[in-house]
Amino acid sequence: MFVSRPTDIFAAIPDVLGDEKAVDALTTTGTSIWWAIVYAVIIGIVGGYLLGSVQVLRDAFYGPVNFIIGIPKSIFIPIFLLAFGINTQTAIYYGAFSGIFYVMINVVGGLDLVEDRHMMVARAYGASWWYRVRDIVLPASTPGVFAGIWYGIKNGLQGVLIFELFISVGGLGSLIKTYTNRLEIDRVFVVVLGIAVISIVLGEIWSAIERRLSRWRPSSTANADTGV
């Protein structure tokens, strides 16, 4: 009753793929995840560079950002419901919120990889602020940026799904609840396995992009050591 046989799960795949509600749920969740990741990455990168470059901002907000990372994000769901209501847009905002701080903290860790001696040499040769940022800061901080983007993708995806599971706003989370209430456990496992496959594929695609863009580094797979 509670755990389907593997054969039943594979047999249910065509039924789920042929279900219009499942297709609509996948479209809704996919769109929400996309926008949640976009918001999390853009805001997180900009905030991370500001936090890591301006000492006053770092002294004021680095501690609170680390504190928020350690808090389960699900406790903020009621606040998002009160602020934005029960709709798919709220799922996007919550997903973005779930990933922003991880992006920021990794970008700050990437900025810590910038060596002072390189900046001193650039200033000694009269390099402008823009050239120092373009030729030293951005390349040196790329491991942290790449790690931050991956955390934004992962936590944005999780945030949207968690919100949909808690609040019935459509999407795959709501579909899982519907199948569970009907005791259609085989279909539940189909959806869960589908989400797992999508997560793995996204991770592999992003790893390939990172290796491609960071092939000039001695170790293209090295990420910033940020402790998250």
C-alpha atoms as a PDB file:
ATOM      1  CA  MET A   1       0.000   0.000   0.000  1.00  0.00           C
ATOM      2  CA  PHE A   2       2.803   2.430   0.857  1.00  0.00           C
ATOM      3  CA  VAL A   3       5.681   1.334  -1.397  1.00  0.00           C
ATOM      4  CA  SER A   4       5.076   0.283  -4.994  1.00  0.00           C
ATOM      5  CA  ARG A   5       7.025  -2.413  -6.756  1.00  0.00           C
ATOM      6  CA  PRO A   6       9.571  -1.176  -9.328  1.00  0.00           C
ATOM      7  CA  THR A   7       7.588  -2.871 -12.085  1.00  0.00           C
ATOM      8  CA  ASP A   8       4.457  -0.928 -11.083  1.00  0.00           C
ATOM      9  CA  ILE A   9       6.419   2.325 -11.085  1.00  0.00           C
ATOM     10  CA  PHE A  10       7.777   1.773 -14.599  1.00  0.00           C
ATOM     11  CA  ALA A  11       4.350   0.685 -15.786  1.00  0.00           C
ATOM     12  CA  ALA A  12       2.849   3.947 -14.462  1.00  0.00           C
ATOM     13  CA  ILE A  13       5.254   6.165 -16.430  1.00  0.00           C
ATOM     14  CA  PRO A  14       3.121   6.221 -19.640  1.00  0.00           C
ATOM     15  CA  ASP A  15       0.000   6.948 -17.574  1.00  0.00           C
ATOM     16  CA  VAL A  16       1.626   9.929 -15.888  1.00  0.00           C
ATOM     17  CA  LEU A  17       3.114  11.259 -19.136  1.00  0.00           C
ATOM     18  CA  GLY A  18      -0.306  10.955 -20.771  1.00  0.00           C
ATOM     19  CA  ASP A  19      -2.086  12.747 -17.927  1.00  0.00           C
ATOM     20  CA  GLU A  20      -2.932  16.336 -18.926  1.00  0.00           C
ATOM     21  CA  LYS A  21      -2.836  17.407 -15.282  1.00  0.00           C
ATOM     22  CA  ALA A  22       0.710  16.058 -14.979  1.00  0.00           C
ATOM     23  CA  VAL A  23       1.809  17.939 -18.112  1.00  0.00           C
ATOM     24  CA  ASP A  24       0.233  21.161 -16.837  1.00  0.00           C
ATOM     25  CA  ALA A  25       1.859  20.622 -13.427  1.00  0.00           C
ATOM     26  CA  LEU A  26       5.261  20.092 -15.032  1.00  0.00           C
ATOM     27  CA  THR A  27       4.870  23.266 -17.086  1.00  0.00           C
ATOM     28  CA  THR A  28       3.807  25.283 -14.044  1.00  0.00           C
ATOM     29  CA  THR A  29       6.627  24.012 -11.860  1.00  0.00           C
ATOM     30  CA  GLY A  30       9.227  24.332 -14.622  1.00  0.00           C
ATOM     31  CA  THR A  31       8.276  27.969 -15.256  1.00  0.00           C
ATOM     32  CA  SER A  32       8.293  28.768 -11.529  1.00  0.00           C
ATOM     33  CA  ILE A  33      11.680  27.101 -11.023  1.00  0.00           C
ATOM     34  CA  TRP A  34      13.167  28.966 -13.984  1.00  0.00           C
ATOM     35  CA  TRP A  35      12.132  32.387 -12.683  1.00  0.00           C
ATOM     36  CA  ALA A  36      13.073  31.518  -9.099  1.00  0.00           C
ATOM     37  CA  ILE A  37      16.585  30.573 -10.257  1.00  0.00           C
ATOM     38  CA  VAL A  38      16.899  33.717 -12.394  1.00  0.00           C
ATOM     39  CA  TYR A  39      15.921  35.973  -9.484  1.00  0.00           C
ATOM     40  CA  ALA A  40      18.104  34.101  -6.993  1.00  0.00           C
ATOM     41  CA  VAL A  41      21.183  34.160  -9.225  1.00  0.00           C
ATOM     42  CA  ILE A  42      20.932  37.789 -10.350  1.00  0.00           C
ATOM     43  CA  ILE A  43      20.112  39.228  -6.923  1.00  0.00           C
ATOM     44  CA  GLY A  44      22.558  36.873  -5.205  1.00  0.00           C
ATOM     45  CA  ILE A  45      25.494  37.725  -7.478  1.00  0.00           C
ATOM     46  CA  VAL A  46      24.898  41.490  -7.274  1.00  0.00           C
ATOM     47  CA  GLY A  47      24.403  41.299  -3.505  1.00  0.00           C
ATOM     48  CA  GLY A  48      27.434  39.047  -3.103  1.00  0.00           C
ATOM     49  CA  TYR A  49      29.742  41.400  -4.972  1.00  0.00           C
ATOM     50  CA  LEU A  50      28.450  44.367  -2.965  1.00  0.00           C
ATOM     51  CA  LEU A  51      28.801  42.431   0.289  1.00  0.00           C
ATOM     52  CA  GLY A  52      32.302  41.247  -0.564  1.00  0.00           C
ATOM     53  CA  SER A  53      33.584  44.552  -1.973  1.00  0.00           C
ATOM     54  CA  VAL A  54      32.207  47.113   0.493  1.00  0.00           C
ATOM     55  CA  GLN A  55      33.643  46.541   3.942  1.00  0.00           C
ATOM     56  CA  VAL A  56      30.848  48.429   5.718  1.00  0.00           C
ATOM     57  CA  LEU A  57      28.197  46.205   4.123  1.00  0.00           C
ATOM     58  CA  ARG A  58      30.224  43.097   4.923  1.00  0.00           C
ATOM     59  CA  ASP A  59      30.583  44.065   8.576  1.00  0.00           C
ATOM     60  CA  ALA A  60      26.862  44.794   8.821  1.00  0.00           C
ATOM     61  CA  PHE A  61      25.268  41.954   6.855  1.00  0.00           C
ATOM     62  CA  TYR A  62      27.690  39.037   6.499  1.00  0.00           C
ATOM     63  CA  GLY A  63      26.735  37.670   9.913  1.00  0.00           C
ATOM     64  CA  PRO A  64      22.949  37.916   9.364  1.00  0.00           C
ATOM     65  CA  VAL A  65      23.279  36.255   5.931  1.00  0.00           C
ATOM     66  CA  ASN A  66      25.140  33.321   7.499  1.00  0.00           C
ATOM     67  CA  PHE A  67      22.481  33.177  10.212  1.00  0.00           C
ATOM     68  CA  ILE A  68      19.639  33.019   7.667  1.00  0.00           C
ATOM     69  CA  ILE A  69      21.398  30.211   5.792  1.00  0.00           C
ATOM     70  CA  GLY A  70      21.274  28.082   8.935  1.00  0.00           C
ATOM     71  CA  ILE A  71      17.519  28.599   9.427  1.00  0.00           C
ATOM     72  CA  PRO A  72      15.036  26.180   7.793  1.00  0.00           C
ATOM     73  CA  LYS A  73      13.441  28.309   5.067  1.00  0.00           C
ATOM     74  CA  SER A  74      10.050  26.622   5.473  1.00  0.00           C
ATOM     75  CA  ILE A  75       9.339  28.727   8.587  1.00  0.00           C
ATOM     76  CA  PHE A  76       9.096  31.788   6.306  1.00  0.00           C
ATOM     77  CA  ILE A  77       6.265  30.323   4.212  1.00  0.00           C
ATOM     78  CA  PRO A  78       3.497  31.982   6.303  1.00  0.00           C
ATOM     79  CA  ILE A  79       5.211  35.353   5.840  1.00  0.00           C
ATOM     80  CA  PHE A  80       5.266  34.900   2.066  1.00  0.00           C
ATOM     81  CA  LEU A  81       1.604  33.886   2.116  1.00  0.00           C
ATOM     82  CA  LEU A  82       0.666  37.016   4.045  1.00  0.00           C
ATOM     83  CA  ALA A  83       2.769  39.257   1.824  1.00  0.00           C
ATOM     84  CA  PHE A  84       1.972  37.845  -1.635  1.00  0.00           C
ATOM     85  CA  GLY A  85      -1.055  35.563  -1.250  1.00  0.00           C
ATOM     86  CA  ILE A  86      -1.636  32.002  -2.441  1.00  0.00           C
ATOM     87  CA  ASN A  87      -0.540  31.859  -6.078  1.00  0.00           C
ATOM     88  CA  THR A  88       2.249  30.568  -8.282  1.00  0.00           C
ATOM     89  CA  GLN A  89       4.046  33.922  -8.142  1.00  0.00           C
ATOM     90  CA  THR A  90       4.519  33.436  -4.412  1.00  0.00           C
ATOM     91  CA  ALA A  91       6.157  30.073  -5.111  1.00  0.00           C
ATOM     92  CA  ILE A  92       8.618  31.880  -7.382  1.00  0.00           C
ATOM     93  CA  TYR A  93       9.448  34.456  -4.713  1.00  0.00           C
ATOM     94  CA  TYR A  94       9.896  31.781  -2.071  1.00  0.00           C
ATOM     95  CA  GLY A  95      12.108  29.708  -4.370  1.00  0.00           C
ATOM     96  CA  ALA A  96      14.256  32.748  -5.095  1.00  0.00           C
ATOM     97  CA  PHE A  97      14.465  33.528  -1.376  1.00  0.00           C
ATOM     98  CA  SER A  98      15.607  29.952  -0.720  1.00  0.00           C
ATOM     99  CA  GLY A  99      18.585  30.370  -3.053  1.00  0.00           C
ATOM    100  CA  ILE A 100      19.634  34.022  -2.827  1.00  0.00           C
ATOM    101  CA  PHE A 101      21.664  33.780   0.364  1.00  0.00           C
ATOM    102  CA  TYR A 102      23.590  30.710  -0.791  1.00  0.00           C
ATOM    103  CA  VAL A 103      24.561  32.551  -3.961  1.00  0.00           C
ATOM    104  CA  MET A 104      25.647  35.612  -1.997  1.00  0.00           C
ATOM    105  CA  ILE A 105      27.799  33.749   0.499  1.00  0.00           C
ATOM    106  CA  ASN A 106      29.594  31.808  -2.241  1.00  0.00           C
ATOM    107  CA  VAL A 107      30.257  34.952  -4.258  1.00  0.00           C
ATOM    108  CA  VAL A 108      31.758  36.545  -1.160  1.00  0.00           C
ATOM    109  CA  GLY A 109      33.927  33.454  -0.765  1.00  0.00           C
ATOM    110  CA  GLY A 110      34.993  33.833  -4.388  1.00  0.00           C
ATOM    111  CA  LEU A 111      35.997  37.451  -3.788  1.00  0.00           C
ATOM    112  CA  ASP A 112      38.176  36.291  -0.910  1.00  0.00           C
ATOM    113  CA  LEU A 113      40.237  34.401  -3.500  1.00  0.00           C
ATOM    114  CA  VAL A 114      41.401  37.695  -5.036  1.00  0.00           C
ATOM    115  CA  GLU A 115      45.037  38.189  -3.978  1.00  0.00           C
ATOM    116  CA  ASP A 116      46.160  41.586  -2.728  1.00  0.00           C
ATOM    117  CA  ARG A 117      49.478  41.314  -4.553  1.00  0.00           C
ATOM    118  CA  HIS A 118      47.715  41.129  -7.896  1.00  0.00           C
ATOM    119  CA  MET A 119      45.731  44.270  -7.097  1.00  0.00           C
ATOM    120  CA  MET A 120      48.912  46.039  -5.956  1.00  0.00           C
ATOM    121  CA  VAL A 121      50.669  45.197  -9.225  1.00  0.00           C
ATOM    122  CA  ALA A 122      47.669  46.415 -11.229  1.00  0.00           C
ATOM    123  CA  ARG A 123      47.582  49.706  -9.337  1.00  0.00           C
ATOM    124  CA  ALA A 124      51.353  50.086  -9.732  1.00  0.00           C
ATOM    125  CA  TYR A 125      50.960  49.840 -13.505  1.00  0.00           C
ATOM    126  CA  GLY A 126      48.148  52.377 -13.469  1.00  0.00           C
ATOM    127  CA  ALA A 127      45.307  49.993 -14.292  1.00  0.00           C
ATOM    128  CA  SER A 128      41.911  51.653 -14.033  1.00  0.00           C
ATOM    129  CA  TRP A 129      39.170  50.434 -11.722  1.00  0.00           C
ATOM    130  CA  TRP A 130      37.339  48.776 -14.627  1.00  0.00           C
ATOM    131  CA  TYR A 131      40.429  46.876 -15.790  1.00  0.00           C
ATOM    132  CA  ARG A 132      41.154  45.695 -12.259  1.00  0.00           C
ATOM    133  CA  VAL A 133      37.600  44.370 -11.950  1.00  0.00           C
ATOM    134  CA  ARG A 134      37.549  42.801 -15.415  1.00  0.00           C
ATOM    135  CA  ASP A 135      41.023  41.258 -15.478  1.00  0.00           C
ATOM    136  CA  ILE A 136      41.595  40.376 -11.808  1.00  0.00           C
ATOM    137  CA  VAL A 137      38.487  40.382  -9.630  1.00  0.00           C
ATOM    138  CA  LEU A 138      36.047  38.631 -11.956  1.00  0.00           C
ATOM    139  CA  PRO A 139      38.404  35.822 -13.120  1.00  0.00           C
ATOM    140  CA  ALA A 140      39.685  35.155  -9.587  1.00  0.00           C
ATOM    141  CA  SER A 141      36.187  35.004  -8.103  1.00  0.00           C
ATOM    142  CA  THR A 142      34.693  32.679 -10.740  1.00  0.00           C
ATOM    143  CA  PRO A 143      34.917  29.517  -8.554  1.00  0.00           C
ATOM    144  CA  GLY A 144      32.727  31.159  -5.940  1.00  0.00           C
ATOM    145  CA  VAL A 145      30.334  32.509  -8.574  1.00  0.00           C
ATOM    146  CA  PHE A 146      29.962  29.096 -10.202  1.00  0.00           C
ATOM    147  CA  ALA A 147      29.417  27.429  -6.833  1.00  0.00           C
ATOM    148  CA  GLY A 148      26.893  30.121  -5.914  1.00  0.00           C
ATOM    149  CA  ILE A 149      24.943  29.677  -9.145  1.00  0.00           C
ATOM    150  CA  TRP A 150      24.766  25.923  -8.559  1.00  0.00           C
ATOM    151  CA  TYR A 151      23.484  26.465  -5.020  1.00  0.00           C
ATOM    152  CA  GLY A 152      20.966  28.939  -6.436  1.00  0.00           C
ATOM    153  CA  ILE A 153      19.750  26.351  -8.954  1.00  0.00           C
ATOM    154  CA  LYS A 154      19.507  23.591  -6.354  1.00  0.00           C
ATOM    155  CA  ASN A 155      17.839  25.615  -3.613  1.00  0.00           C
ATOM    156  CA  GLY A 156      15.567  27.473  -6.024  1.00  0.00           C
ATOM    157  CA  LEU A 157      14.266  24.139  -7.305  1.00  0.00           C
ATOM    158  CA  GLN A 158      13.806  22.808  -3.785  1.00  0.00           C
ATOM    159  CA  GLY A 159      12.116  25.998  -2.611  1.00  0.00           C
ATOM    160  CA  VAL A 160       9.478  25.952  -5.331  1.00  0.00           C
ATOM    161  CA  LEU A 161       8.702  22.261  -4.761  1.00  0.00           C
ATOM    162  CA  ILE A 162       8.513  22.673  -0.979  1.00  0.00           C
ATOM    163  CA  PHE A 163       6.128  25.618  -1.337  1.00  0.00           C
ATOM    164  CA  GLU A 164       3.933  23.635  -3.722  1.00  0.00           C
ATOM    165  CA  LEU A 165       3.867  20.710  -1.284  1.00  0.00           C
ATOM    166  CA  PHE A 166       2.842  22.943   1.603  1.00  0.00           C
ATOM    167  CA  ILE A 167       0.403  25.117  -0.357  1.00  0.00           C
ATOM    168  CA  SER A 168      -1.780  23.773  -3.180  1.00  0.00           C
ATOM    169  CA  VAL A 169      -0.946  26.296  -5.906  1.00  0.00           C
ATOM    170  CA  GLY A 170      -0.602  23.759  -8.712  1.00  0.00           C
ATOM    171  CA  GLY A 171       2.601  22.265 -10.042  1.00  0.00           C
ATOM    172  CA  LEU A 172       4.339  19.004  -9.250  1.00  0.00           C
ATOM    173  CA  GLY A 173       4.122  19.486  -5.492  1.00  0.00           C
ATOM    174  CA  SER A 174       0.348  19.706  -5.659  1.00  0.00           C
ATOM    175  CA  LEU A 175       0.297  16.741  -8.053  1.00  0.00           C
ATOM    176  CA  ILE A 176       2.264  14.637  -5.554  1.00  0.00           C
ATOM    177  CA  LYS A 177      -0.272  15.509  -2.855  1.00  0.00           C
ATOM    178  CA  THR A 178      -3.143  14.544  -5.160  1.00  0.00           C
ATOM    179  CA  TYR A 179      -1.604  11.179  -6.044  1.00  0.00           C
ATOM    180  CA  THR A 180      -0.782  10.532  -2.382  1.00  0.00           C
ATOM    181  CA  ASN A 181      -4.342  11.244  -1.248  1.00  0.00           C
ATOM    182  CA  ARG A 182      -5.560   8.760  -3.841  1.00  0.00           C
ATOM    183  CA  LEU A 183      -2.988   6.188  -2.666  1.00  0.00           C
ATOM    184  CA  GLU A 184      -1.569   6.091  -6.199  1.00  0.00           C
ATOM    185  CA  ILE A 185       1.900   5.491  -4.839  1.00  0.00           C
ATOM    186  CA  ASP A 186       3.296   4.268  -8.151  1.00  0.00           C
ATOM    187  CA  ARG A 187       2.514   7.646  -9.732  1.00  0.00           C
ATOM    188  CA  VAL A 188       4.018   9.432  -6.738  1.00  0.00           C
ATOM    189  CA  PHE A 189       7.282   7.588  -7.288  1.00  0.00           C
ATOM    190  CA  VAL A 190       7.183   8.403 -11.015  1.00  0.00           C
ATOM    191  CA  VAL A 191       6.997  12.117 -10.225  1.00  0.00           C
ATOM    192  CA  VAL A 192       9.685  11.878  -7.531  1.00  0.00           C
ATOM    193  CA  LEU A 193      12.023   9.945  -9.814  1.00  0.00           C
ATOM    194  CA  GLY A 194      11.362  12.447 -12.587  1.00  0.00           C
ATOM    195  CA  ILE A 195      12.351  15.318 -10.299  1.00  0.00           C
ATOM    196  CA  ALA A 196      15.496  13.439  -9.272  1.00  0.00           C
ATOM    197  CA  VAL A 197      16.474  12.838 -12.903  1.00  0.00           C
ATOM    198  CA  ILE A 198      15.901  16.504 -13.781  1.00  0.00           C
ATOM    199  CA  SER A 199      18.073  17.582 -10.822  1.00  0.00           C
ATOM    200  CA  ILE A 200      20.875  15.240 -11.859  1.00  0.00           C
ATOM    201  CA  VAL A 201      20.713  16.417 -15.490  1.00  0.00           C
ATOM    202  CA  LEU A 202      20.811  20.071 -14.408  1.00  0.00           C
ATOM    203  CA  GLY A 203      23.833  19.336 -12.229  1.00  0.00           C
ATOM    204  CA  GLU A 204      25.684  17.604 -15.056  1.00  0.00           C
ATOM    205  CA  ILE A 205      24.882  20.390 -17.523  1.00  0.00           C
ATOM    206  CA  TRP A 206      26.093  23.041 -15.108  1.00  0.00           C
ATOM    207  CA  SER A 207      29.265  21.068 -14.332  1.00  0.00           C
ATOM    208  CA  ALA A 208      29.986  20.844 -18.069  1.00  0.00           C
ATOM    209  CA  ILE A 209      29.449  24.590 -18.473  1.00  0.00           C
ATOM    210  CA  GLU A 210      31.711  25.296 -15.505  1.00  0.00           C
ATOM    211  CA  ARG A 211      34.473  23.079 -16.902  1.00  0.00           C
ATOM    212  CA  ARG A 212      34.127  24.763 -20.273  1.00  0.00           C
ATOM    213  CA  LEU A 213      34.319  28.315 -18.944  1.00  0.00           C
ATOM    214  CA  SER A 214      37.011  27.566 -16.347  1.00  0.00           C
ATOM    215  CA  ARG A 215      39.304  25.378 -18.437  1.00  0.00           C
ATOM    216  CA  TRP A 216      42.047  28.026 -18.184  1.00  0.00           C
ATOM    217  CA  ARG A 217      42.293  27.474 -14.421  1.00  0.00           C
ATOM    218  CA  PRO A 218      44.720  24.863 -12.995  1.00  0.00           C
ATOM    219  CA  SER A 219      41.762  23.029 -11.411  1.00  0.00           C
ATOM    220  CA  SER A 220      38.480  23.867 -13.121  1.00  0.00           C
ATOM    221  CA  THR A 221      36.402  21.878 -10.651  1.00  0.00           C
ATOM    222  CA  ALA A 222      37.633  23.709  -7.574  1.00  0.00           C
ATOM    223  CA  ASN A 223      34.971  25.715  -5.792  1.00  0.00           C
ATOM    224  CA  ALA A 224      35.322  28.422  -3.233  1.00  0.00           C
ATOM    225  CA  ASP A 225      35.707  27.068   0.281  1.00  0.00           C
ATOM    226  CA  THR A 226      32.756  28.849   1.855  1.00  0.00           C
ATOM    227  CA  GLY A 227      31.703  26.236   4.395  1.00  0.00           C
ATOM    228  CA  VAL A 228      28.207  25.735   2.902  1.00  0.00           C
END
